[in-house]
Amino acid sequence: MHRFVRSRYRARFFLPLAVALACGGGHAPAPARPAPAPPAAPRIARVADANTAAILLTSLSADLAAARLATTRARHRDVKLLARSIVTDLTPSSTKLSRLLSSIKLNPREDDVSQMLRDQSYARRDTLRNLSGSRFDVVYIEGEVRFHEDLLVAIDSVFLPSARNASLKDYITAVRPTIASHLALAEQVRATITARR
């Protein structure tokens, strides 16, 4: 399932995951054929809670790592404020998720997606470390906008519909507004930076 996500959409974080899982597979679509009736709506594939937990932990860790770097490397004041906000909000969210998983005895299970996210996180960190000034700001903000857009799609299309454990589902529901607010702030910062270029 995840090989398709890896090969075709390597540069993006969650949207390919959401699409592949929402379609119940991840295989390349078959060539279009005339059909007498419209195709049935895609079936949401269930993702095991252990895999969801691993993906969420990896994504929070990746966003925190980039934000911590931005707090020291960013030039634009608004970029630094966004990064600080992410660190302030996601540090307790990450700790809460770890505690929750421990309390419900759910061990995160790595899969191709969580490993891909980790690899992308390392690559993004290395890219950001080689940048400075306004170029750093632009690359960081573009990455944040894409990351949060894709994470929201995955939450809505995959993680919430497939979560079986009520406590995990409650956590995902509770963290969603934080992700949405980070996206809104990242979009505002991107608009500000673009206007000044």
N, C-alpha and C. Protein backbone atom coordinates (compact mmCIF):
# COMPACT_ATOMS: atom_id res chain seq x y z
N MET A 1 0.81 -1.19 0.00
CA MET A 1 0.00 0.00 0.00
C MET A 1 0.85 1.25 0.00
N HIS A 2 1.89 1.30 0.82
CA HIS A 2 2.63 2.54 0.99
C HIS A 2 3.72 2.74 -0.05
N ARG A 3 4.03 1.69 -0.85
CA ARG A 3 5.05 1.85 -1.88
C ARG A 3 4.64 2.92 -2.89
N PHE A 4 3.35 2.94 -3.24
CA PHE A 4 2.84 3.95 -4.16
C PHE A 4 3.03 5.34 -3.58
N VAL A 5 2.71 5.49 -2.30
CA VAL A 5 2.87 6.79 -1.65
C VAL A 5 4.32 7.22 -1.70
N ARG A 6 5.23 6.28 -1.41
CA ARG A 6 6.65 6.59 -1.38
C ARG A 6 7.19 7.04 -2.72
N SER A 7 6.86 6.29 -3.75
CA SER A 7 7.49 6.56 -5.04
C SER A 7 6.89 7.76 -5.75
N ARG A 8 5.57 7.94 -5.64
CA ARG A 8 4.94 8.97 -6.44
C ARG A 8 4.88 10.33 -5.77
N TYR A 9 4.84 10.35 -4.45
CA TYR A 9 4.63 11.60 -3.74
C TYR A 9 5.68 11.86 -2.67
N ARG A 10 6.91 11.51 -2.92
CA ARG A 10 7.96 11.59 -1.91
C ARG A 10 8.13 12.98 -1.30
N ALA A 11 7.88 14.04 -2.06
CA ALA A 11 8.14 15.39 -1.57
C ALA A 11 7.07 15.89 -0.61
N ARG A 12 5.93 15.25 -0.56
CA ARG A 12 4.85 15.72 0.29
C ARG A 12 4.71 14.82 1.51
N PHE A 13 4.05 15.33 2.55
CA PHE A 13 3.96 14.56 3.78
C PHE A 13 2.71 13.70 3.85
N PHE A 14 1.55 14.29 4.06
CA PHE A 14 0.38 13.50 4.42
C PHE A 14 -0.67 13.34 3.35
N LEU A 15 -0.80 14.27 2.44
CA LEU A 15 -1.86 14.17 1.45
C LEU A 15 -1.80 12.84 0.71
N PRO A 16 -0.63 12.38 0.25
CA PRO A 16 -0.61 11.09 -0.42
C PRO A 16 -1.05 9.96 0.50
N LEU A 17 -0.70 10.07 1.77
CA LEU A 17 -1.14 9.06 2.73
C LEU A 17 -2.65 9.04 2.82
N ALA A 18 -3.25 10.22 2.96
CA ALA A 18 -4.70 10.30 3.08
C ALA A 18 -5.39 9.77 1.84
N VAL A 19 -4.87 10.15 0.68
CA VAL A 19 -5.48 9.70 -0.57
C VAL A 19 -5.36 8.19 -0.71
N ALA A 20 -4.18 7.66 -0.47
CA ALA A 20 -3.97 6.23 -0.63
C ALA A 20 -4.83 5.44 0.34
N LEU A 21 -4.90 5.88 1.58
CA LEU A 21 -5.67 5.15 2.56
C LEU A 21 -7.16 5.34 2.35
N ALA A 22 -7.56 6.54 1.96
CA ALA A 22 -8.98 6.79 1.74
C ALA A 22 -9.52 5.96 0.57
N CYS A 23 -8.66 5.67 -0.37
CA CYS A 23 -9.08 4.87 -1.52
C CYS A 23 -8.97 3.38 -1.27
N GLY A 24 -8.53 3.04 -0.08
CA GLY A 24 -8.51 1.64 0.30
C GLY A 24 -7.36 0.88 -0.30
N GLY A 25 -6.32 1.53 -0.69
CA GLY A 25 -5.22 0.79 -1.26
C GLY A 25 -4.00 1.60 -1.38
N GLY A 26 -3.76 2.18 -2.52
CA GLY A 26 -2.53 2.90 -2.73
C GLY A 26 -1.89 2.43 -4.01
N HIS A 27 -2.58 1.57 -4.73
CA HIS A 27 -2.05 1.14 -6.01
C HIS A 27 -2.38 2.18 -7.06
N ALA A 28 -1.60 2.24 -8.10
CA ALA A 28 -1.85 3.20 -9.17
C ALA A 28 -3.23 2.94 -9.75
N PRO A 29 -3.99 4.00 -10.04
CA PRO A 29 -5.32 3.80 -10.59
C PRO A 29 -5.26 3.15 -11.97
N ALA A 30 -6.25 2.31 -12.24
CA ALA A 30 -6.31 1.65 -13.54
C ALA A 30 -6.70 2.68 -14.60
N PRO A 31 -6.33 2.42 -15.84
CA PRO A 31 -6.72 3.35 -16.90
C PRO A 31 -8.24 3.52 -16.93
N ALA A 32 -8.67 4.72 -17.25
CA ALA A 32 -10.11 5.00 -17.27
C ALA A 32 -10.79 4.19 -18.37
N ARG A 33 -11.92 3.59 -18.02
CA ARG A 33 -12.71 2.83 -18.98
C ARG A 33 -14.14 3.36 -18.92
N PRO A 34 -14.81 3.38 -20.06
CA PRO A 34 -16.20 3.81 -20.02
C PRO A 34 -17.01 2.85 -19.15
N ALA A 35 -17.83 3.40 -18.28
CA ALA A 35 -18.65 2.56 -17.41
C ALA A 35 -20.09 3.03 -17.49
N PRO A 36 -21.01 2.11 -17.47
CA PRO A 36 -22.41 2.50 -17.58
C PRO A 36 -22.90 3.27 -16.35
N ALA A 37 -22.32 2.99 -15.19
CA ALA A 37 -22.76 3.66 -13.96
C ALA A 37 -21.56 4.35 -13.32
N PRO A 38 -21.79 5.42 -12.58
CA PRO A 38 -20.67 6.09 -11.92
C PRO A 38 -20.04 5.17 -10.88
N PRO A 39 -18.72 5.29 -10.68
CA PRO A 39 -18.06 4.42 -9.72
C PRO A 39 -18.53 4.72 -8.30
N ALA A 40 -18.45 3.71 -7.47
CA ALA A 40 -18.84 3.86 -6.07
C ALA A 40 -17.85 4.79 -5.37
N ALA A 41 -18.31 5.44 -4.33
CA ALA A 41 -17.43 6.33 -3.55
C ALA A 41 -16.29 5.52 -2.94
N PRO A 42 -15.11 6.12 -2.83
CA PRO A 42 -13.99 5.38 -2.27
C PRO A 42 -14.28 4.95 -0.84
N ARG A 43 -13.81 3.78 -0.51
CA ARG A 43 -13.97 3.22 0.82
C ARG A 43 -12.79 3.67 1.67
N ILE A 44 -13.08 4.10 2.91
CA ILE A 44 -12.01 4.48 3.82
C ILE A 44 -11.35 3.22 4.34
N ALA A 45 -10.08 3.08 4.09
CA ALA A 45 -9.36 1.93 4.61
C ALA A 45 -9.02 2.19 6.07
N ARG A 46 -9.15 1.16 6.86
CA ARG A 46 -8.84 1.29 8.27
C ARG A 46 -7.34 1.24 8.48
N VAL A 47 -6.84 2.15 9.29
CA VAL A 47 -5.44 2.16 9.68
C VAL A 47 -5.40 1.73 11.13
N ALA A 48 -4.56 0.78 11.43
CA ALA A 48 -4.47 0.29 12.81
C ALA A 48 -4.07 1.44 13.73
N ASP A 49 -4.64 1.46 14.93
CA ASP A 49 -4.32 2.51 15.89
C ASP A 49 -2.83 2.58 16.18
N ALA A 50 -2.17 1.44 16.19
CA ALA A 50 -0.72 1.43 16.47
C ALA A 50 0.05 2.17 15.37
N ASN A 51 -0.39 2.02 14.12
CA ASN A 51 0.25 2.74 13.02
C ASN A 51 -0.09 4.23 13.06
N THR A 52 -1.34 4.54 13.37
CA THR A 52 -1.73 5.95 13.51
C THR A 52 -0.88 6.61 14.60
N ALA A 53 -0.69 5.93 15.71
CA ALA A 53 0.10 6.48 16.81
C ALA A 53 1.53 6.75 16.37
N ALA A 54 2.13 5.82 15.63
CA ALA A 54 3.51 6.01 15.17
C ALA A 54 3.60 7.19 14.20
N ILE A 55 2.63 7.30 13.31
CA ILE A 55 2.64 8.40 12.34
C ILE A 55 2.46 9.74 13.06
N LEU A 56 1.55 9.80 14.02
CA LEU A 56 1.34 11.05 14.75
C LEU A 56 2.57 11.44 15.55
N LEU A 57 3.18 10.48 16.24
CA LEU A 57 4.40 10.78 17.01
C LEU A 57 5.51 11.29 16.10
N THR A 58 5.68 10.64 14.96
CA THR A 58 6.71 11.04 14.02
C THR A 58 6.44 12.43 13.46
N SER A 59 5.17 12.71 13.13
CA SER A 59 4.85 14.01 12.55
C SER A 59 5.02 15.13 13.57
N LEU A 60 4.61 14.92 14.80
CA LEU A 60 4.80 15.94 15.83
C LEU A 60 6.28 16.19 16.07
N SER A 61 7.04 15.11 16.12
CA SER A 61 8.49 15.24 16.33
C SER A 61 9.15 16.00 15.18
N ALA A 62 8.73 15.71 13.96
CA ALA A 62 9.30 16.37 12.78
C ALA A 62 8.99 17.86 12.80
N ASP A 63 7.75 18.20 13.12
CA ASP A 63 7.37 19.62 13.14
C ASP A 63 8.09 20.35 14.27
N LEU A 64 8.23 19.70 15.40
CA LEU A 64 8.95 20.32 16.52
C LEU A 64 10.43 20.55 16.17
N ALA A 65 11.05 19.59 15.52
CA ALA A 65 12.47 19.74 15.15
C ALA A 65 12.66 20.93 14.22
N ALA A 66 11.79 21.06 13.22
CA ALA A 66 11.90 22.18 12.28
C ALA A 66 11.64 23.50 13.00
N ALA A 67 10.66 23.51 13.89
CA ALA A 67 10.32 24.75 14.61
C ALA A 67 11.45 25.18 15.54
N ARG A 68 12.06 24.22 16.22
CA ARG A 68 13.18 24.57 17.11
C ARG A 68 14.33 25.17 16.33
N LEU A 69 14.58 24.63 15.15
CA LEU A 69 15.62 25.19 14.30
C LEU A 69 15.25 26.61 13.86
N ALA A 70 14.00 26.81 13.53
CA ALA A 70 13.55 28.12 13.06
C ALA A 70 13.61 29.18 14.15
N THR A 71 13.45 28.79 15.40
CA THR A 71 13.51 29.79 16.47
C THR A 71 14.90 30.43 16.56
N THR A 72 15.92 29.72 16.10
CA THR A 72 17.27 30.28 16.16
C THR A 72 17.78 30.76 14.80
N ARG A 73 17.25 30.21 13.70
CA ARG A 73 17.79 30.53 12.37
C ARG A 73 16.97 31.53 11.57
N ALA A 74 15.69 31.67 11.88
CA ALA A 74 14.83 32.55 11.08
C ALA A 74 15.25 34.00 11.25
N ARG A 75 15.04 34.76 10.21
CA ARG A 75 15.36 36.18 10.24
C ARG A 75 14.11 37.02 10.53
N HIS A 76 13.02 36.70 9.87
CA HIS A 76 11.79 37.48 10.00
C HIS A 76 11.14 37.22 11.36
N ARG A 77 10.73 38.30 12.00
CA ARG A 77 10.13 38.20 13.34
C ARG A 77 8.90 37.29 13.36
N ASP A 78 8.05 37.38 12.33
CA ASP A 78 6.83 36.56 12.30
C ASP A 78 7.13 35.08 12.14
N VAL A 79 8.19 34.76 11.43
CA VAL A 79 8.60 33.36 11.29
C VAL A 79 9.03 32.82 12.65
N LYS A 80 9.80 33.62 13.38
CA LYS A 80 10.22 33.20 14.72
C LYS A 80 9.03 33.02 15.65
N LEU A 81 8.06 33.94 15.56
CA LEU A 81 6.86 33.82 16.39
C LEU A 81 6.07 32.56 16.08
N LEU A 82 5.94 32.23 14.78
CA LEU A 82 5.27 31.00 14.39
C LEU A 82 6.01 29.80 14.98
N ALA A 83 7.31 29.77 14.82
CA ALA A 83 8.10 28.64 15.31
C ALA A 83 7.96 28.49 16.82
N ARG A 84 8.00 29.61 17.53
CA ARG A 84 7.84 29.55 19.00
C ARG A 84 6.45 29.03 19.38
N SER A 85 5.44 29.48 18.63
CA SER A 85 4.08 29.02 18.89
C SER A 85 3.97 27.51 18.69
N ILE A 86 4.59 27.00 17.64
CA ILE A 86 4.56 25.56 17.38
C ILE A 86 5.25 24.81 18.50
N VAL A 87 6.42 25.28 18.93
CA VAL A 87 7.13 24.62 20.02
C VAL A 87 6.29 24.65 21.30
N THR A 88 5.71 25.81 21.60
CA THR A 88 4.90 25.96 22.82
C THR A 88 3.68 25.04 22.80
N ASP A 89 3.04 24.91 21.64
CA ASP A 89 1.82 24.11 21.55
C ASP A 89 2.08 22.61 21.40
N LEU A 90 3.07 22.26 20.60
CA LEU A 90 3.26 20.84 20.28
C LEU A 90 4.09 20.08 21.30
N THR A 91 4.91 20.78 22.08
CA THR A 91 5.68 20.06 23.10
C THR A 91 4.75 19.36 24.09
N PRO A 92 3.78 20.08 24.68
CA PRO A 92 2.86 19.36 25.58
C PRO A 92 1.95 18.37 24.84
N SER A 93 1.61 18.67 23.59
CA SER A 93 0.77 17.74 22.82
C SER A 93 1.49 16.42 22.58
N SER A 94 2.77 16.50 22.28
CA SER A 94 3.57 15.30 22.06
C SER A 94 3.71 14.50 23.35
N THR A 95 3.95 15.20 24.46
CA THR A 95 4.06 14.52 25.75
C THR A 95 2.73 13.87 26.12
N LYS A 96 1.64 14.59 25.87
CA LYS A 96 0.31 14.05 26.17
C LYS A 96 0.03 12.79 25.36
N LEU A 97 0.42 12.80 24.10
CA LEU A 97 0.21 11.62 23.26
C LEU A 97 1.01 10.44 23.78
N SER A 98 2.26 10.67 24.14
CA SER A 98 3.09 9.58 24.67
C SER A 98 2.49 9.00 25.94
N ARG A 99 2.02 9.88 26.83
CA ARG A 99 1.39 9.41 28.07
C ARG A 99 0.10 8.65 27.80
N LEU A 100 -0.68 9.16 26.85
CA LEU A 100 -1.91 8.48 26.50
C LEU A 100 -1.64 7.08 25.99
N LEU A 101 -0.68 6.96 25.09
CA LEU A 101 -0.37 5.65 24.52
C LEU A 101 0.08 4.68 25.60
N SER A 102 0.84 5.19 26.56
CA SER A 102 1.29 4.36 27.67
C SER A 102 0.09 3.94 28.53
N SER A 103 -0.81 4.87 28.79
CA SER A 103 -1.94 4.55 29.67
C SER A 103 -2.92 3.56 29.03
N ILE A 104 -3.06 3.61 27.73
CA ILE A 104 -3.98 2.67 27.06
C ILE A 104 -3.24 1.44 26.53
N LYS A 105 -1.95 1.39 26.86
CA LYS A 105 -1.11 0.25 26.47
C LYS A 105 -1.13 0.00 24.96
N LEU A 106 -0.96 1.09 24.23
CA LEU A 106 -0.91 1.01 22.77
C LEU A 106 0.51 1.32 22.33
N ASN A 107 1.18 0.32 21.80
CA ASN A 107 2.56 0.49 21.33
C ASN A 107 2.56 0.96 19.89
N PRO A 108 3.15 2.14 19.62
CA PRO A 108 3.22 2.61 18.23
C PRO A 108 3.96 1.59 17.37
N ARG A 109 3.41 1.33 16.19
CA ARG A 109 4.02 0.37 15.27
C ARG A 109 4.48 1.09 14.02
N GLU A 110 5.78 1.07 13.79
CA GLU A 110 6.36 1.70 12.61
C GLU A 110 5.89 0.98 11.35
N ASP A 111 5.74 1.75 10.29
CA ASP A 111 5.45 1.19 8.98
C ASP A 111 6.15 2.04 7.94
N ASP A 112 5.91 1.77 6.67
CA ASP A 112 6.58 2.52 5.61
C ASP A 112 6.29 4.01 5.68
N VAL A 113 5.06 4.37 6.08
CA VAL A 113 4.69 5.78 6.12
C VAL A 113 5.45 6.52 7.22
N SER A 114 5.47 5.95 8.42
CA SER A 114 6.18 6.64 9.51
C SER A 114 7.68 6.69 9.22
N GLN A 115 8.22 5.66 8.59
CA GLN A 115 9.64 5.69 8.21
C GLN A 115 9.90 6.73 7.13
N MET A 116 8.99 6.84 6.17
CA MET A 116 9.11 7.86 5.13
C MET A 116 9.08 9.25 5.74
N LEU A 117 8.16 9.46 6.69
CA LEU A 117 8.07 10.76 7.35
C LEU A 117 9.35 11.10 8.10
N ARG A 118 9.93 10.10 8.76
CA ARG A 118 11.18 10.33 9.47
C ARG A 118 12.30 10.69 8.49
N ASP A 119 12.38 9.96 7.39
CA ASP A 119 13.40 10.26 6.37
C ASP A 119 13.22 11.68 5.82
N GLN A 120 11.98 12.05 5.55
CA GLN A 120 11.70 13.39 5.03
C GLN A 120 12.03 14.45 6.06
N SER A 121 11.78 14.14 7.33
CA SER A 121 12.11 15.08 8.39
C SER A 121 13.61 15.33 8.44
N TYR A 122 14.40 14.28 8.34
CA TYR A 122 15.86 14.44 8.35
C TYR A 122 16.32 15.25 7.14
N ALA A 123 15.74 14.95 5.98
CA ALA A 123 16.12 15.68 4.77
C ALA A 123 15.74 17.16 4.88
N ARG A 124 14.55 17.42 5.43
CA ARG A 124 14.12 18.81 5.60
C ARG A 124 15.04 19.54 6.58
N ARG A 125 15.38 18.88 7.67
CA ARG A 125 16.28 19.49 8.66
C ARG A 125 17.62 19.83 8.03
N ASP A 126 18.16 18.89 7.24
CA ASP A 126 19.46 19.13 6.60
C ASP A 126 19.38 20.29 5.61
N THR A 127 18.27 20.36 4.87
CA THR A 127 18.08 21.46 3.92
C THR A 127 18.03 22.80 4.66
N LEU A 128 17.24 22.84 5.72
CA LEU A 128 17.10 24.08 6.49
C LEU A 128 18.42 24.50 7.13
N ARG A 129 19.20 23.55 7.58
CA ARG A 129 20.49 23.87 8.21
C ARG A 129 21.45 24.54 7.23
N ASN A 130 21.27 24.27 5.95
CA ASN A 130 22.15 24.85 4.93
C ASN A 130 21.67 26.21 4.42
N LEU A 131 20.56 26.70 4.98
CA LEU A 131 20.01 27.97 4.54
C LEU A 131 20.13 29.01 5.64
N SER A 132 20.05 30.26 5.23
CA SER A 132 20.07 31.35 6.21
C SER A 132 19.27 32.52 5.66
N GLY A 133 18.98 33.46 6.55
CA GLY A 133 18.32 34.69 6.13
C GLY A 133 16.95 34.47 5.55
N SER A 134 16.60 35.29 4.57
CA SER A 134 15.26 35.24 4.00
C SER A 134 14.99 33.93 3.27
N ARG A 135 16.03 33.33 2.72
CA ARG A 135 15.83 32.04 2.03
C ARG A 135 15.38 30.97 3.03
N PHE A 136 15.97 30.97 4.21
CA PHE A 136 15.54 30.05 5.26
C PHE A 136 14.06 30.28 5.56
N ASP A 137 13.69 31.54 5.75
CA ASP A 137 12.31 31.87 6.11
C ASP A 137 11.32 31.35 5.07
N VAL A 138 11.62 31.59 3.80
CA VAL A 138 10.71 31.17 2.73
C VAL A 138 10.57 29.65 2.69
N VAL A 139 11.68 28.94 2.75
CA VAL A 139 11.63 27.47 2.67
C VAL A 139 10.92 26.89 3.90
N TYR A 140 11.22 27.45 5.06
CA TYR A 140 10.59 26.96 6.28
C TYR A 140 9.08 27.17 6.22
N ILE A 141 8.65 28.37 5.86
CA ILE A 141 7.21 28.67 5.84
C ILE A 141 6.48 27.84 4.79
N GLU A 142 7.05 27.70 3.61
CA GLU A 142 6.40 26.87 2.59
C GLU A 142 6.23 25.44 3.10
N GLY A 143 7.26 24.93 3.75
CA GLY A 143 7.18 23.58 4.32
C GLY A 143 6.11 23.47 5.39
N GLU A 144 5.99 24.50 6.22
CA GLU A 144 4.98 24.48 7.28
C GLU A 144 3.56 24.51 6.72
N VAL A 145 3.35 25.32 5.70
CA VAL A 145 2.01 25.37 5.09
C VAL A 145 1.65 24.01 4.52
N ARG A 146 2.54 23.41 3.72
CA ARG A 146 2.26 22.09 3.13
C ARG A 146 2.06 21.04 4.20
N PHE A 147 2.94 21.04 5.20
CA PHE A 147 2.88 20.05 6.27
C PHE A 147 1.53 20.09 6.97
N HIS A 148 1.09 21.28 7.35
CA HIS A 148 -0.17 21.39 8.09
C HIS A 148 -1.39 21.12 7.21
N GLU A 149 -1.33 21.53 5.96
CA GLU A 149 -2.42 21.19 5.03
C GLU A 149 -2.58 19.68 4.94
N ASP A 150 -1.47 19.01 4.71
CA ASP A 150 -1.50 17.57 4.53
C ASP A 150 -1.90 16.84 5.81
N LEU A 151 -1.42 17.33 6.95
CA LEU A 151 -1.77 16.69 8.21
C LEU A 151 -3.26 16.81 8.48
N LEU A 152 -3.85 17.96 8.18
CA LEU A 152 -5.29 18.12 8.37
C LEU A 152 -6.08 17.18 7.46
N VAL A 153 -5.64 17.02 6.23
CA VAL A 153 -6.31 16.07 5.32
C VAL A 153 -6.23 14.66 5.89
N ALA A 154 -5.06 14.29 6.38
CA ALA A 154 -4.90 12.95 6.95
C ALA A 154 -5.76 12.76 8.19
N ILE A 155 -5.80 13.77 9.04
CA ILE A 155 -6.64 13.68 10.24
C ILE A 155 -8.10 13.47 9.85
N ASP A 156 -8.59 14.30 8.93
CA ASP A 156 -10.00 14.25 8.57
C ASP A 156 -10.37 13.03 7.73
N SER A 157 -9.48 12.64 6.83
CA SER A 157 -9.80 11.58 5.88
C SER A 157 -9.39 10.19 6.33
N VAL A 158 -8.41 10.12 7.23
CA VAL A 158 -7.87 8.81 7.58
C VAL A 158 -7.90 8.55 9.09
N PHE A 159 -7.24 9.41 9.85
CA PHE A 159 -7.04 9.10 11.27
C PHE A 159 -8.34 9.09 12.07
N LEU A 160 -9.16 10.12 11.94
CA LEU A 160 -10.42 10.13 12.69
C LEU A 160 -11.38 9.03 12.25
N PRO A 161 -11.59 8.82 10.94
CA PRO A 161 -12.51 7.75 10.56
C PRO A 161 -12.03 6.35 10.95
N SER A 162 -10.72 6.16 11.05
CA SER A 162 -10.24 4.80 11.30
C SER A 162 -9.87 4.52 12.75
N ALA A 163 -9.79 5.55 13.59
CA ALA A 163 -9.39 5.33 14.99
C ALA A 163 -10.45 4.49 15.70
N ARG A 164 -9.99 3.43 16.34
CA ARG A 164 -10.91 2.55 17.06
C ARG A 164 -10.92 2.84 18.55
N ASN A 165 -9.77 3.21 19.10
CA ASN A 165 -9.68 3.50 20.51
C ASN A 165 -10.28 4.89 20.77
N ALA A 166 -11.23 4.95 21.69
CA ALA A 166 -11.94 6.22 21.95
C ALA A 166 -11.00 7.30 22.47
N SER A 167 -10.04 6.92 23.31
CA SER A 167 -9.11 7.91 23.86
C SER A 167 -8.20 8.47 22.78
N LEU A 168 -7.75 7.61 21.87
CA LEU A 168 -6.91 8.08 20.76
C LEU A 168 -7.72 9.01 19.86
N LYS A 169 -8.97 8.63 19.59
CA LYS A 169 -9.83 9.47 18.75
C LYS A 169 -10.05 10.83 19.42
N ASP A 170 -10.27 10.83 20.73
CA ASP A 170 -10.44 12.08 21.46
C ASP A 170 -9.19 12.96 21.36
N TYR A 171 -8.02 12.32 21.45
CA TYR A 171 -6.77 13.08 21.34
C TYR A 171 -6.65 13.72 19.95
N ILE A 172 -6.91 12.94 18.92
CA ILE A 172 -6.81 13.46 17.55
C ILE A 172 -7.79 14.62 17.36
N THR A 173 -9.01 14.45 17.87
CA THR A 173 -10.01 15.51 17.78
C THR A 173 -9.54 16.77 18.51
N ALA A 174 -8.93 16.58 19.68
CA ALA A 174 -8.47 17.73 20.48
C ALA A 174 -7.28 18.44 19.86
N VAL A 175 -6.39 17.70 19.18
CA VAL A 175 -5.19 18.33 18.62
C VAL A 175 -5.48 18.99 17.27
N ARG A 176 -6.57 18.62 16.63
CA ARG A 176 -6.87 19.16 15.30
C ARG A 176 -6.96 20.69 15.26
N PRO A 177 -7.67 21.35 16.22
CA PRO A 177 -7.71 22.82 16.17
C PRO A 177 -6.33 23.48 16.29
N THR A 178 -5.44 22.86 17.03
CA THR A 178 -4.07 23.39 17.13
C THR A 178 -3.38 23.34 15.78
N ILE A 179 -3.52 22.23 15.09
CA ILE A 179 -2.92 22.08 13.75
C ILE A 179 -3.54 23.10 12.80
N ALA A 180 -4.86 23.27 12.88
CA ALA A 180 -5.54 24.23 12.01
C ALA A 180 -5.08 25.66 12.30
N SER A 181 -4.89 25.99 13.57
CA SER A 181 -4.44 27.35 13.90
C SER A 181 -3.01 27.59 13.44
N HIS A 182 -2.17 26.55 13.51
CA HIS A 182 -0.80 26.68 13.00
C HIS A 182 -0.81 26.90 11.50
N LEU A 183 -1.70 26.20 10.80
CA LEU A 183 -1.81 26.40 9.35
C LEU A 183 -2.23 27.83 9.04
N ALA A 184 -3.24 28.32 9.73
CA ALA A 184 -3.71 29.69 9.48
C ALA A 184 -2.60 30.70 9.73
N LEU A 185 -1.86 30.51 10.80
CA LEU A 185 -0.76 31.42 11.12
C LEU A 185 0.35 31.32 10.07
N ALA A 186 0.67 30.09 9.65
CA ALA A 186 1.71 29.90 8.64
C ALA A 186 1.31 30.57 7.32
N GLU A 187 0.03 30.48 6.96
CA GLU A 187 -0.44 31.13 5.73
C GLU A 187 -0.34 32.66 5.84
N GLN A 188 -0.64 33.19 7.02
CA GLN A 188 -0.51 34.64 7.22
C GLN A 188 0.94 35.08 7.11
N VAL A 189 1.82 34.32 7.73
CA VAL A 189 3.24 34.66 7.68
C VAL A 189 3.76 34.57 6.26
N ARG A 190 3.33 33.53 5.53
CA ARG A 190 3.76 33.40 4.13
C ARG A 190 3.30 34.61 3.32
N ALA A 191 2.07 35.06 3.54
CA ALA A 191 1.56 36.23 2.82
C ALA A 191 2.39 37.47 3.15
N THR A 192 2.75 37.63 4.41
CA THR A 192 3.55 38.78 4.84
C THR A 192 4.93 38.75 4.18
N ILE A 193 5.55 37.59 4.20
CA ILE A 193 6.89 37.46 3.61
C ILE A 193 6.84 37.69 2.11
N THR A 194 5.82 37.12 1.46
CA THR A 194 5.70 37.28 0.01
C THR A 194 5.51 38.74 -0.36
N ALA A 195 4.71 39.45 0.44
CA ALA A 195 4.45 40.87 0.14
C ALA A 195 5.71 41.72 0.25
N ARG A 196 6.65 41.29 1.07
CA ARG A 196 7.87 42.09 1.28
C ARG A 196 8.98 41.74 0.29
N ARG A 197 8.79 40.71 -0.51
CA ARG A 197 9.85 40.30 -1.44
C ARG A 197 9.82 41.13 -2.69
